[in-house]
Amino acid sequence: MRTALDTNIISAIWTKESNLAEILDQMQVSRRMGCLVICPVVYVELCAHPRATLEDVQNFLADTNIAVDWDLPRKAWDHAADAYSQYAHRRRRSRDGSPRRMPADFIIGAHATWMADRLLTLDQRRYRTDFPGLRIKEC
């Protein structure tokens, strides 16, 4: 089983969030079931973390044996585009204005849908509506 990680999982490890023990436990369980992966967008977001450099990110991923799926198939990009488009349409139709979520969230969700078996995140609500078929494990 491949478990995709949301950026907030790794960020929470680096900032030692209050639920760190649960996050590490869920990662260990996921690793025993298969492998841990991130998409390139997560990699980019991690490199922008205030407590990390490019080298820190690369070392962390190597030390924790988390793979990066550098090549995303077109079907994943199309899924992300469609989900983001539907989200933007819902925002405009409800008169809530322009989209507030970043396209990165939709790429992460599409990557997990097409390249993994589930997504480990701290924010399942964010992905439930836009990726209803995605298996989500929340910490």
C-alpha atoms as a PDB file:
ATOM      1  CA  MET A   1       0.000   0.000   0.000  1.00  0.00           C
ATOM      2  CA  ARG A   2       1.301   3.421  -0.970  1.00  0.00           C
ATOM      3  CA  THR A   3       0.451   6.237   1.421  1.00  0.00           C
ATOM      4  CA  ALA A   4       0.782   9.791   0.139  1.00  0.00           C
ATOM      5  CA  LEU A   5       1.677  12.415   2.735  1.00  0.00           C
ATOM      6  CA  ASP A   6       0.225  15.899   2.833  1.00  0.00           C
ATOM      7  CA  THR A   7       2.634  18.746   3.516  1.00  0.00           C
ATOM      8  CA  ASN A   8       1.052  19.367   6.917  1.00  0.00           C
ATOM      9  CA  ILE A   9       2.179  15.921   8.157  1.00  0.00           C
ATOM     10  CA  ILE A  10       5.877  16.596   7.656  1.00  0.00           C
ATOM     11  CA  SER A  11       5.563  20.203   8.749  1.00  0.00           C
ATOM     12  CA  ALA A  12       3.954  19.029  11.998  1.00  0.00           C
ATOM     13  CA  ILE A  13       6.913  16.737  12.626  1.00  0.00           C
ATOM     14  CA  TRP A  14       9.361  19.580  12.158  1.00  0.00           C
ATOM     15  CA  THR A  15       7.423  21.916  14.471  1.00  0.00           C
ATOM     16  CA  LYS A  16       6.732  19.170  17.025  1.00  0.00           C
ATOM     17  CA  GLU A  17       2.966  19.676  17.070  1.00  0.00           C
ATOM     18  CA  SER A  18       0.924  18.420  20.012  1.00  0.00           C
ATOM     19  CA  ASN A  19      -0.262  15.370  18.050  1.00  0.00           C
ATOM     20  CA  LEU A  20       3.286  14.388  17.027  1.00  0.00           C
ATOM     21  CA  ALA A  21       3.072  10.947  18.648  1.00  0.00           C
ATOM     22  CA  GLU A  22      -0.083  10.104  16.685  1.00  0.00           C
ATOM     23  CA  ILE A  23       1.453  11.375  13.431  1.00  0.00           C
ATOM     24  CA  LEU A  24       4.590   9.281  13.907  1.00  0.00           C
ATOM     25  CA  ASP A  25       2.479   6.261  14.829  1.00  0.00           C
ATOM     26  CA  GLN A  26       0.338   6.624  11.700  1.00  0.00           C
ATOM     27  CA  MET A  27       3.453   6.985   9.557  1.00  0.00           C
ATOM     28  CA  GLN A  28       4.935   3.851  11.101  1.00  0.00           C
ATOM     29  CA  VAL A  29       1.723   1.908  10.500  1.00  0.00           C
ATOM     30  CA  SER A  30       1.629   3.166   6.909  1.00  0.00           C
ATOM     31  CA  ARG A  31       5.259   2.224   6.354  1.00  0.00           C
ATOM     32  CA  ARG A  32       4.603  -1.321   7.609  1.00  0.00           C
ATOM     33  CA  MET A  33       1.738  -1.561   5.093  1.00  0.00           C
ATOM     34  CA  GLY A  34       3.874  -0.319   2.182  1.00  0.00           C
ATOM     35  CA  CYS A  35       5.703   2.876   1.346  1.00  0.00           C
ATOM     36  CA  LEU A  36       5.397   6.608   1.946  1.00  0.00           C
ATOM     37  CA  VAL A  37       5.364   9.035  -0.976  1.00  0.00           C
ATOM     38  CA  ILE A  38       4.928  12.726  -1.655  1.00  0.00           C
ATOM     39  CA  CYS A  39       4.178  14.603  -4.833  1.00  0.00           C
ATOM     40  CA  PRO A  40       6.467  17.329  -6.187  1.00  0.00           C
ATOM     41  CA  VAL A  41       4.165  20.053  -4.857  1.00  0.00           C
ATOM     42  CA  VAL A  42       4.669  18.776  -1.305  1.00  0.00           C
ATOM     43  CA  TYR A  43       8.417  18.817  -1.936  1.00  0.00           C
ATOM     44  CA  VAL A  44       8.219  22.456  -3.070  1.00  0.00           C
ATOM     45  CA  GLU A  45       6.063  23.461  -0.096  1.00  0.00           C
ATOM     46  CA  LEU A  46       8.462  21.747   2.303  1.00  0.00           C
ATOM     47  CA  CYS A  47      11.379  23.672   0.811  1.00  0.00           C
ATOM     48  CA  ALA A  48       9.544  26.896   1.703  1.00  0.00           C
ATOM     49  CA  HIS A  49       9.140  25.848   5.350  1.00  0.00           C
ATOM     50  CA  PRO A  50      10.733  28.439   7.652  1.00  0.00           C
ATOM     51  CA  ARG A  51      12.725  25.743   9.461  1.00  0.00           C
ATOM     52  CA  ALA A  52      14.045  23.945   6.389  1.00  0.00           C
ATOM     53  CA  THR A  53      16.448  24.386   3.532  1.00  0.00           C
ATOM     54  CA  LEU A  54      16.529  22.430   0.304  1.00  0.00           C
ATOM     55  CA  GLU A  55      19.285  20.279   1.795  1.00  0.00           C
ATOM     56  CA  ASP A  56      17.253  19.716   4.985  1.00  0.00           C
ATOM     57  CA  VAL A  57      14.284  18.516   2.930  1.00  0.00           C
ATOM     58  CA  GLN A  58      16.421  16.193   0.827  1.00  0.00           C
ATOM     59  CA  ASN A  59      18.119  14.760   3.930  1.00  0.00           C
ATOM     60  CA  PHE A  60      14.812  14.289   5.746  1.00  0.00           C
ATOM     61  CA  LEU A  61      13.282  12.441   2.812  1.00  0.00           C
ATOM     62  CA  ALA A  62      16.354  10.233   2.456  1.00  0.00           C
ATOM     63  CA  ASP A  63      16.569   9.554   6.212  1.00  0.00           C
ATOM     64  CA  THR A  64      12.885   8.655   6.446  1.00  0.00           C
ATOM     65  CA  ASN A  65      12.784   6.776   3.145  1.00  0.00           C
ATOM     66  CA  ILE A  66       9.968   8.918   1.756  1.00  0.00           C
ATOM     67  CA  ALA A  67       9.888   8.819  -2.043  1.00  0.00           C
ATOM     68  CA  VAL A  68       8.974  11.686  -4.347  1.00  0.00           C
ATOM     69  CA  ASP A  69       6.823  10.817  -7.360  1.00  0.00           C
ATOM     70  CA  TRP A  70       8.521  13.272  -9.705  1.00  0.00           C
ATOM     71  CA  ASP A  71       6.505  12.276 -12.754  1.00  0.00           C
ATOM     72  CA  LEU A  72       2.761  12.677 -12.486  1.00  0.00           C
ATOM     73  CA  PRO A  73       0.675  11.243 -15.302  1.00  0.00           C
ATOM     74  CA  ARG A  74      -1.612  13.473 -17.318  1.00  0.00           C
ATOM     75  CA  LYS A  75      -4.679  11.860 -15.708  1.00  0.00           C
ATOM     76  CA  ALA A  76      -3.538  13.216 -12.316  1.00  0.00           C
ATOM     77  CA  TRP A  77      -3.053  16.724 -13.703  1.00  0.00           C
ATOM     78  CA  ASP A  78      -6.454  16.581 -15.405  1.00  0.00           C
ATOM     79  CA  HIS A  79      -8.083  15.355 -12.182  1.00  0.00           C
ATOM     80  CA  ALA A  80      -6.482  18.219 -10.227  1.00  0.00           C
ATOM     81  CA  ALA A  81      -7.630  20.731 -12.840  1.00  0.00           C
ATOM     82  CA  ASP A  82     -11.167  19.390 -12.851  1.00  0.00           C
ATOM     83  CA  ALA A  83     -11.431  19.338  -9.042  1.00  0.00           C
ATOM     84  CA  TYR A  84     -10.032  22.874  -8.782  1.00  0.00           C
ATOM     85  CA  SER A  85     -12.385  24.103 -11.502  1.00  0.00           C
ATOM     86  CA  GLN A  86     -15.403  22.604  -9.724  1.00  0.00           C
ATOM     87  CA  TYR A  87     -14.278  24.140  -6.417  1.00  0.00           C
ATOM     88  CA  ALA A  88     -13.847  27.579  -8.024  1.00  0.00           C
ATOM     89  CA  HIS A  89     -17.273  27.278  -9.659  1.00  0.00           C
ATOM     90  CA  ARG A  90     -18.885  26.403  -6.283  1.00  0.00           C
ATOM     91  CA  ARG A  91     -17.213  29.423  -4.642  1.00  0.00           C
ATOM     92  CA  ARG A  92     -18.424  31.806  -7.332  1.00  0.00           C
ATOM     93  CA  ARG A  93     -21.935  30.315  -7.416  1.00  0.00           C
ATOM     94  CA  SER A  94     -22.295  30.607  -3.622  1.00  0.00           C
ATOM     95  CA  ARG A  95     -21.167  34.225  -3.826  1.00  0.00           C
ATOM     96  CA  ASP A  96     -18.231  33.515  -1.532  1.00  0.00           C
ATOM     97  CA  GLY A  97     -15.993  35.157  -4.095  1.00  0.00           C
ATOM     98  CA  SER A  98     -12.811  33.947  -5.687  1.00  0.00           C
ATOM     99  CA  PRO A  99     -11.205  30.638  -4.787  1.00  0.00           C
ATOM    100  CA  ARG A 100      -9.252  30.770  -1.536  1.00  0.00           C
ATOM    101  CA  ARG A 101      -7.606  27.388  -1.658  1.00  0.00           C
ATOM    102  CA  MET A 102      -4.411  26.991  -3.584  1.00  0.00           C
ATOM    103  CA  PRO A 103      -4.154  24.762  -6.661  1.00  0.00           C
ATOM    104  CA  ALA A 104      -1.403  22.898  -4.767  1.00  0.00           C
ATOM    105  CA  ASP A 105      -4.040  21.238  -2.565  1.00  0.00           C
ATOM    106  CA  PHE A 106      -5.737  19.862  -5.655  1.00  0.00           C
ATOM    107  CA  ILE A 107      -2.498  18.494  -7.086  1.00  0.00           C
ATOM    108  CA  ILE A 108      -1.791  16.783  -3.746  1.00  0.00           C
ATOM    109  CA  GLY A 109      -5.272  15.243  -3.769  1.00  0.00           C
ATOM    110  CA  ALA A 110      -5.022  14.124  -7.385  1.00  0.00           C
ATOM    111  CA  HIS A 111      -1.570  12.643  -6.776  1.00  0.00           C
ATOM    112  CA  ALA A 112      -2.915  10.637  -3.844  1.00  0.00           C
ATOM    113  CA  THR A 113      -5.887   9.505  -5.930  1.00  0.00           C
ATOM    114  CA  TRP A 114      -3.864   8.288  -8.907  1.00  0.00           C
ATOM    115  CA  MET A 115      -0.441   7.436  -7.479  1.00  0.00           C
ATOM    116  CA  ALA A 116      -1.199   6.146  -3.975  1.00  0.00           C
ATOM    117  CA  ASP A 117      -3.762   4.118  -2.101  1.00  0.00           C
ATOM    118  CA  ARG A 118      -4.572   6.786   0.462  1.00  0.00           C
ATOM    119  CA  LEU A 119      -3.627  10.212   1.809  1.00  0.00           C
ATOM    120  CA  LEU A 120      -2.345  10.904   5.316  1.00  0.00           C
ATOM    121  CA  THR A 121      -3.299  14.463   6.295  1.00  0.00           C
ATOM    122  CA  LEU A 122      -4.183  16.686   9.219  1.00  0.00           C
ATOM    123  CA  ASP A 123      -7.088  18.163   7.277  1.00  0.00           C
ATOM    124  CA  GLN A 124      -9.379  15.521   5.828  1.00  0.00           C
ATOM    125  CA  ARG A 125     -12.222  18.015   5.410  1.00  0.00           C
ATOM    126  CA  ARG A 126     -10.173  19.857   2.796  1.00  0.00           C
ATOM    127  CA  TYR A 127     -10.013  16.759   0.598  1.00  0.00           C
ATOM    128  CA  ARG A 128     -13.366  15.038   1.288  1.00  0.00           C
ATOM    129  CA  THR A 129     -15.506  17.276  -0.899  1.00  0.00           C
ATOM    130  CA  ASP A 130     -13.117  17.605  -3.813  1.00  0.00           C
ATOM    131  CA  PHE A 131     -11.863  13.996  -3.886  1.00  0.00           C
ATOM    132  CA  PRO A 132     -14.794  11.866  -2.701  1.00  0.00           C
ATOM    133  CA  GLY A 133     -13.228   8.560  -3.814  1.00  0.00           C
ATOM    134  CA  LEU A 134      -9.917   9.212  -2.076  1.00  0.00           C
ATOM    135  CA  ARG A 135      -9.144   7.127   1.001  1.00  0.00           C
ATOM    136  CA  ILE A 136      -8.045   9.531   3.697  1.00  0.00           C
ATOM    137  CA  LYS A 137      -6.380   8.830   7.023  1.00  0.00           C
ATOM    138  CA  GLU A 138      -6.398  11.804   9.350  1.00  0.00           C
ATOM    139  CA  CYS A 139      -4.182  12.251  12.387  1.00  0.00           C
END
